[in-house]
């Protein structure tokens, strides 16, 4: 695989930044999109689709592949367990002030971790914030539907993380350190854009 020059990768990064910045940072819910009523099946489908419909959640999951290049597979299991625990906490104690704003900042955290400016341990609380916010969609549901939603969420996030690690590892093998820094910079830019959107709707 040939290396991408920073000058060649920059327009791609700017285009991705523009497209993602134009998208709303708040996650959409499958229940609202298709006007579904809570049930085990709709809960499962909603859990599977929820991370895909929120650009901030989706990009965060994919971006974790970049910082997980040198990490073992069990790292993914730790993230998933953290996210699930935070979702359960969100069901029990909803309404954390500023949670959406912190979720928007999580992409900035990923970029700074990739650049070595922040410790990788901060990714666990960042992932927990995503799990916490994703629980808001099912507040007030009956327990069975909530359980199936959480199962779908776990499956969806697990597949996205595994796919991200696989694809990003293949993509990054031919990239220079400069291009990896450029990718981190694009993540920081997108995260800053999401944060601005959260502050100024």
C-alpha atoms as a PDB file:
ATOM      1  CA  UNK A   1       0.000   0.000   0.000  1.00  0.00           C
ATOM      2  CA  UNK A   2       1.463   3.327  -1.036  1.00  0.00           C
ATOM      3  CA  UNK A   3       1.751   6.239   1.336  1.00  0.00           C
ATOM      4  CA  UNK A   4      -0.625   9.140   0.954  1.00  0.00           C
ATOM      5  CA  UNK A   5       1.131  12.485   0.859  1.00  0.00           C
ATOM      6  CA  UNK A   6      -0.170  15.019   3.387  1.00  0.00           C
ATOM      7  CA  UNK A   7      -0.964  17.351   0.493  1.00  0.00           C
ATOM      8  CA  UNK A   8      -3.112  14.627  -1.091  1.00  0.00           C
ATOM      9  CA  UNK A   9      -4.847  13.655   2.126  1.00  0.00           C
ATOM     10  CA  UNK A  10      -5.628  17.214   3.189  1.00  0.00           C
ATOM     11  CA  UNK A  11      -8.460  17.849   0.679  1.00  0.00           C
ATOM     12  CA  UNK A  12     -10.066  14.548   1.707  1.00  0.00           C
ATOM     13  CA  UNK A  13      -9.872  15.514   5.368  1.00  0.00           C
ATOM     14  CA  UNK A  14     -11.269  18.989   4.716  1.00  0.00           C
ATOM     15  CA  UNK A  15     -14.161  17.522   2.708  1.00  0.00           C
ATOM     16  CA  UNK A  16     -14.958  15.035   5.466  1.00  0.00           C
ATOM     17  CA  UNK A  17     -14.762  17.821   8.036  1.00  0.00           C
ATOM     18  CA  UNK A  18     -17.181  19.976   6.049  1.00  0.00           C
ATOM     19  CA  UNK A  19     -19.699  17.190   5.566  1.00  0.00           C
ATOM     20  CA  UNK A  20     -19.647  16.086   9.193  1.00  0.00           C
ATOM     21  CA  UNK A  21     -19.745  19.612  10.527  1.00  0.00           C
ATOM     22  CA  UNK A  22     -22.893  20.219   8.508  1.00  0.00           C
ATOM     23  CA  UNK A  23     -24.588  17.220  10.148  1.00  0.00           C
ATOM     24  CA  UNK A  24     -26.291  17.673  13.496  1.00  0.00           C
ATOM     25  CA  UNK A  25     -24.149  16.427  16.353  1.00  0.00           C
ATOM     26  CA  UNK A  26     -27.059  15.028  18.363  1.00  0.00           C
ATOM     27  CA  UNK A  27     -27.932  11.413  17.749  1.00  0.00           C
ATOM     28  CA  UNK A  28     -31.202  10.517  16.039  1.00  0.00           C
ATOM     29  CA  UNK A  29     -33.387   7.710  17.217  1.00  0.00           C
ATOM     30  CA  UNK A  30     -34.795   4.933  15.051  1.00  0.00           C
ATOM     31  CA  UNK A  31     -38.042   5.021  17.026  1.00  0.00           C
ATOM     32  CA  UNK A  32     -38.680   8.618  15.967  1.00  0.00           C
ATOM     33  CA  UNK A  33     -37.577   8.076  12.379  1.00  0.00           C
ATOM     34  CA  UNK A  34     -39.966   5.183  11.736  1.00  0.00           C
ATOM     35  CA  UNK A  35     -42.565   6.061  14.411  1.00  0.00           C
ATOM     36  CA  UNK A  36     -42.172   2.725  16.181  1.00  0.00           C
ATOM     37  CA  UNK A  37     -43.710   1.853  19.530  1.00  0.00           C
ATOM     38  CA  UNK A  38     -41.542   0.339  22.285  1.00  0.00           C
ATOM     39  CA  UNK A  39     -41.313  -3.462  22.093  1.00  0.00           C
ATOM     40  CA  UNK A  40     -38.526  -6.061  22.285  1.00  0.00           C
ATOM     41  CA  UNK A  41     -38.138  -6.062  18.471  1.00  0.00           C
ATOM     42  CA  UNK A  42     -38.205  -2.287  18.057  1.00  0.00           C
ATOM     43  CA  UNK A  43     -35.873  -1.975  21.037  1.00  0.00           C
ATOM     44  CA  UNK A  44     -33.365  -4.323  19.432  1.00  0.00           C
ATOM     45  CA  UNK A  45     -33.594  -2.560  16.063  1.00  0.00           C
ATOM     46  CA  UNK A  46     -33.266   0.821  17.713  1.00  0.00           C
ATOM     47  CA  UNK A  47     -30.211  -0.277  19.670  1.00  0.00           C
ATOM     48  CA  UNK A  48     -28.615  -1.614  16.500  1.00  0.00           C
ATOM     49  CA  UNK A  49     -29.289   1.565  14.554  1.00  0.00           C
ATOM     50  CA  UNK A  50     -28.813   4.292  17.135  1.00  0.00           C
ATOM     51  CA  UNK A  51     -24.987   4.566  16.942  1.00  0.00           C
ATOM     52  CA  UNK A  52     -25.231   4.650  13.142  1.00  0.00           C
ATOM     53  CA  UNK A  53     -27.688   7.556  13.047  1.00  0.00           C
ATOM     54  CA  UNK A  54     -25.748   9.943  15.275  1.00  0.00           C
ATOM     55  CA  UNK A  55     -22.698  11.324  13.417  1.00  0.00           C
ATOM     56  CA  UNK A  56     -20.859  12.136  16.643  1.00  0.00           C
ATOM     57  CA  UNK A  57     -21.319   8.610  18.015  1.00  0.00           C
ATOM     58  CA  UNK A  58     -20.491   6.939  14.713  1.00  0.00           C
ATOM     59  CA  UNK A  59     -17.346   8.956  14.075  1.00  0.00           C
ATOM     60  CA  UNK A  60     -16.182   8.473  17.660  1.00  0.00           C
ATOM     61  CA  UNK A  61     -16.478   4.683  17.344  1.00  0.00           C
ATOM     62  CA  UNK A  62     -14.647   4.682  14.018  1.00  0.00           C
ATOM     63  CA  UNK A  63     -11.968   7.070  15.284  1.00  0.00           C
ATOM     64  CA  UNK A  64     -11.155   4.751  18.167  1.00  0.00           C
ATOM     65  CA  UNK A  65      -9.644   2.431  15.551  1.00  0.00           C
ATOM     66  CA  UNK A  66      -6.948   5.037  15.017  1.00  0.00           C
ATOM     67  CA  UNK A  67      -5.807   5.051  18.638  1.00  0.00           C
ATOM     68  CA  UNK A  68      -6.327   1.311  18.978  1.00  0.00           C
ATOM     69  CA  UNK A  69      -3.720   0.427  16.364  1.00  0.00           C
ATOM     70  CA  UNK A  70      -1.248  -0.935  18.895  1.00  0.00           C
ATOM     71  CA  UNK A  71      -3.772  -2.237  21.425  1.00  0.00           C
ATOM     72  CA  UNK A  72      -4.959  -5.819  21.995  1.00  0.00           C
ATOM     73  CA  UNK A  73      -8.467  -6.941  21.082  1.00  0.00           C
ATOM     74  CA  UNK A  74      -9.475  -7.120  24.754  1.00  0.00           C
ATOM     75  CA  UNK A  75      -9.251  -3.320  24.759  1.00  0.00           C
ATOM     76  CA  UNK A  76     -12.517  -3.358  22.782  1.00  0.00           C
ATOM     77  CA  UNK A  77     -14.167  -5.530  25.451  1.00  0.00           C
ATOM     78  CA  UNK A  78     -13.162  -3.042  28.128  1.00  0.00           C
ATOM     79  CA  UNK A  79     -14.676  -0.174  26.141  1.00  0.00           C
ATOM     80  CA  UNK A  80     -17.922  -2.070  25.566  1.00  0.00           C
ATOM     81  CA  UNK A  81     -18.224  -2.974  29.247  1.00  0.00           C
ATOM     82  CA  UNK A  82     -17.628   0.666  30.179  1.00  0.00           C
ATOM     83  CA  UNK A  83     -20.245   1.884  27.702  1.00  0.00           C
ATOM     84  CA  UNK A  84     -22.847  -0.616  28.890  1.00  0.00           C
ATOM     85  CA  UNK A  85     -22.243   0.285  32.535  1.00  0.00           C
ATOM     86  CA  UNK A  86     -22.629   3.974  31.703  1.00  0.00           C
ATOM     87  CA  UNK A  87     -25.902   3.278  29.839  1.00  0.00           C
ATOM     88  CA  UNK A  88     -27.250   1.529  32.921  1.00  0.00           C
ATOM     89  CA  UNK A  89     -26.155   4.497  35.027  1.00  0.00           C
ATOM     90  CA  UNK A  90     -27.926   6.823  32.613  1.00  0.00           C
ATOM     91  CA  UNK A  91     -31.137   4.860  33.064  1.00  0.00           C
ATOM     92  CA  UNK A  92     -30.853   5.044  36.837  1.00  0.00           C
ATOM     93  CA  UNK A  93     -29.581   8.648  37.100  1.00  0.00           C
ATOM     94  CA  UNK A  94     -30.494  10.578  33.938  1.00  0.00           C
ATOM     95  CA  UNK A  95     -29.954  14.250  33.272  1.00  0.00           C
ATOM     96  CA  UNK A  96     -26.195  14.751  33.687  1.00  0.00           C
ATOM     97  CA  UNK A  97     -25.629  18.475  32.952  1.00  0.00           C
ATOM     98  CA  UNK A  98     -23.481  19.137  29.896  1.00  0.00           C
ATOM     99  CA  UNK A  99     -23.354  15.494  28.787  1.00  0.00           C
ATOM    100  CA  UNK A 100     -24.050  16.282  25.106  1.00  0.00           C
ATOM    101  CA  UNK A 101     -21.354  18.965  25.103  1.00  0.00           C
ATOM    102  CA  UNK A 102     -18.823  16.542  26.591  1.00  0.00           C
ATOM    103  CA  UNK A 103     -19.784  13.928  23.971  1.00  0.00           C
ATOM    104  CA  UNK A 104     -19.023  16.480  21.252  1.00  0.00           C
ATOM    105  CA  UNK A 105     -15.624  17.115  22.854  1.00  0.00           C
ATOM    106  CA  UNK A 106     -14.823  13.391  22.846  1.00  0.00           C
ATOM    107  CA  UNK A 107     -13.580  13.566  19.246  1.00  0.00           C
ATOM    108  CA  UNK A 108     -11.113  16.242  20.297  1.00  0.00           C
ATOM    109  CA  UNK A 109      -9.954  13.876  23.052  1.00  0.00           C
ATOM    110  CA  UNK A 110      -9.418  11.052  20.529  1.00  0.00           C
ATOM    111  CA  UNK A 111      -7.358  13.335  18.294  1.00  0.00           C
ATOM    112  CA  UNK A 112      -5.211  14.568  21.188  1.00  0.00           C
ATOM    113  CA  UNK A 113      -4.670  10.995  22.419  1.00  0.00           C
ATOM    114  CA  UNK A 114      -3.519  10.034  18.928  1.00  0.00           C
ATOM    115  CA  UNK A 115      -1.083  12.956  18.969  1.00  0.00           C
ATOM    116  CA  UNK A 116       0.229  11.869  22.379  1.00  0.00           C
ATOM    117  CA  UNK A 117      -0.971  15.050  24.079  1.00  0.00           C
ATOM    118  CA  UNK A 118      -3.463  13.259  26.376  1.00  0.00           C
ATOM    119  CA  UNK A 119      -3.275   9.846  28.112  1.00  0.00           C
ATOM    120  CA  UNK A 120      -5.188   7.005  26.465  1.00  0.00           C
ATOM    121  CA  UNK A 121      -6.957   6.330  29.756  1.00  0.00           C
ATOM    122  CA  UNK A 122      -9.234   9.310  29.046  1.00  0.00           C
ATOM    123  CA  UNK A 123     -10.891   7.287  26.289  1.00  0.00           C
ATOM    124  CA  UNK A 124     -12.699   5.170  28.895  1.00  0.00           C
ATOM    125  CA  UNK A 125     -14.634   8.074  30.446  1.00  0.00           C
ATOM    126  CA  UNK A 126     -15.191   9.451  26.933  1.00  0.00           C
ATOM    127  CA  UNK A 127     -16.746   6.141  25.863  1.00  0.00           C
ATOM    128  CA  UNK A 128     -18.759   6.114  29.091  1.00  0.00           C
ATOM    129  CA  UNK A 129     -20.228   9.508  28.187  1.00  0.00           C
ATOM    130  CA  UNK A 130     -21.430   8.116  24.862  1.00  0.00           C
ATOM    131  CA  UNK A 131     -23.025   5.167  26.622  1.00  0.00           C
ATOM    132  CA  UNK A 132     -24.675   7.485  29.130  1.00  0.00           C
ATOM    133  CA  UNK A 133     -26.167   9.738  26.448  1.00  0.00           C
ATOM    134  CA  UNK A 134     -27.392   6.786  24.363  1.00  0.00           C
ATOM    135  CA  UNK A 135     -29.520   5.643  27.300  1.00  0.00           C
ATOM    136  CA  UNK A 136     -31.653   8.785  27.156  1.00  0.00           C
ATOM    137  CA  UNK A 137     -33.588   7.451  24.162  1.00  0.00           C
ATOM    138  CA  UNK A 138     -35.266   4.694  26.190  1.00  0.00           C
ATOM    139  CA  UNK A 139     -36.073   6.458  29.443  1.00  0.00           C
ATOM    140  CA  UNK A 140     -39.524   5.374  30.586  1.00  0.00           C
ATOM    141  CA  UNK A 141     -39.602   2.166  28.527  1.00  0.00           C
ATOM    142  CA  UNK A 142     -40.580  -1.104  30.153  1.00  0.00           C
ATOM    143  CA  UNK A 143     -37.599  -3.256  31.228  1.00  0.00           C
ATOM    144  CA  UNK A 144     -37.817  -5.938  28.496  1.00  0.00           C
ATOM    145  CA  UNK A 145     -37.703  -3.405  25.654  1.00  0.00           C
ATOM    146  CA  UNK A 146     -34.860  -1.569  27.391  1.00  0.00           C
ATOM    147  CA  UNK A 147     -32.938  -4.847  27.716  1.00  0.00           C
ATOM    148  CA  UNK A 148     -33.276  -5.547  23.998  1.00  0.00           C
ATOM    149  CA  UNK A 149     -32.237  -1.962  23.199  1.00  0.00           C
ATOM    150  CA  UNK A 150     -29.081  -2.376  25.274  1.00  0.00           C
ATOM    151  CA  UNK A 151     -28.372  -5.710  23.562  1.00  0.00           C
ATOM    152  CA  UNK A 152     -28.705  -4.084  20.142  1.00  0.00           C
ATOM    153  CA  UNK A 153     -26.510  -1.220  21.278  1.00  0.00           C
ATOM    154  CA  UNK A 154     -23.829  -3.635  22.491  1.00  0.00           C
ATOM    155  CA  UNK A 155     -23.882  -5.590  19.215  1.00  0.00           C
ATOM    156  CA  UNK A 156     -23.793  -2.468  17.063  1.00  0.00           C
ATOM    157  CA  UNK A 157     -20.963  -0.826  18.973  1.00  0.00           C
ATOM    158  CA  UNK A 158     -18.989  -4.072  19.101  1.00  0.00           C
ATOM    159  CA  UNK A 159     -19.243  -4.585  15.342  1.00  0.00           C
ATOM    160  CA  UNK A 160     -18.337  -0.969  14.640  1.00  0.00           C
ATOM    161  CA  UNK A 161     -15.301  -1.099  16.921  1.00  0.00           C
ATOM    162  CA  UNK A 162     -14.105  -4.428  15.511  1.00  0.00           C
ATOM    163  CA  UNK A 163     -14.618  -3.223  11.956  1.00  0.00           C
ATOM    164  CA  UNK A 164     -12.899   0.054  12.718  1.00  0.00           C
ATOM    165  CA  UNK A 165      -9.835  -1.646  14.173  1.00  0.00           C
ATOM    166  CA  UNK A 166      -9.606  -3.978  11.180  1.00  0.00           C
ATOM    167  CA  UNK A 167     -10.098  -1.328   8.495  1.00  0.00           C
ATOM    168  CA  UNK A 168      -8.040   1.405  10.132  1.00  0.00           C
ATOM    169  CA  UNK A 169      -5.140  -0.961  10.756  1.00  0.00           C
ATOM    170  CA  UNK A 170      -5.101  -1.880   7.069  1.00  0.00           C
ATOM    171  CA  UNK A 171      -5.420   1.742   6.016  1.00  0.00           C
ATOM    172  CA  UNK A 172      -2.808   3.051   8.429  1.00  0.00           C
ATOM    173  CA  UNK A 173      -0.076   0.537   7.575  1.00  0.00           C
ATOM    174  CA  UNK A 174       0.933   2.611   4.561  1.00  0.00           C
ATOM    175  CA  UNK A 175       0.585   6.023   6.159  1.00  0.00           C
ATOM    176  CA  UNK A 176       3.470   8.092   7.402  1.00  0.00           C
ATOM    177  CA  UNK A 177       3.559   9.635  10.856  1.00  0.00           C
ATOM    178  CA  UNK A 178       2.731  12.996   9.253  1.00  0.00           C
ATOM    179  CA  UNK A 179      -0.449  11.619   7.715  1.00  0.00           C
ATOM    180  CA  UNK A 180      -1.509  10.025  10.999  1.00  0.00           C
ATOM    181  CA  UNK A 181      -1.032  13.421  12.660  1.00  0.00           C
ATOM    182  CA  UNK A 182      -3.115  14.955   9.887  1.00  0.00           C
ATOM    183  CA  UNK A 183      -5.906  12.441  10.551  1.00  0.00           C
ATOM    184  CA  UNK A 184      -5.790  13.343  14.243  1.00  0.00           C
ATOM    185  CA  UNK A 185      -6.024  17.011  13.305  1.00  0.00           C
ATOM    186  CA  UNK A 186      -9.126  16.358  11.216  1.00  0.00           C
ATOM    187  CA  UNK A 187     -10.730  14.586  14.198  1.00  0.00           C
ATOM    188  CA  UNK A 188      -9.950  17.559  16.433  1.00  0.00           C
ATOM    189  CA  UNK A 189     -11.457  19.913  13.855  1.00  0.00           C
ATOM    190  CA  UNK A 190     -14.658  17.874  13.555  1.00  0.00           C
ATOM    191  CA  UNK A 191     -14.933  17.583  17.332  1.00  0.00           C
ATOM    192  CA  UNK A 192     -14.489  21.341  17.697  1.00  0.00           C
ATOM    193  CA  UNK A 193     -17.233  21.855  15.105  1.00  0.00           C
ATOM    194  CA  UNK A 194     -19.612  19.519  16.970  1.00  0.00           C
ATOM    195  CA  UNK A 195     -18.785  21.337  20.211  1.00  0.00           C
ATOM    196  CA  UNK A 196     -19.553  24.712  18.652  1.00  0.00           C
ATOM    197  CA  UNK A 197     -22.869  23.333  17.360  1.00  0.00           C
ATOM    198  CA  UNK A 198     -23.728  22.120  20.867  1.00  0.00           C
ATOM    199  CA  UNK A 199     -22.889  25.507  22.358  1.00  0.00           C
ATOM    200  CA  UNK A 200     -24.585  27.570  19.640  1.00  0.00           C
ATOM    201  CA  UNK A 201     -27.524  25.581  18.195  1.00  0.00           C
END
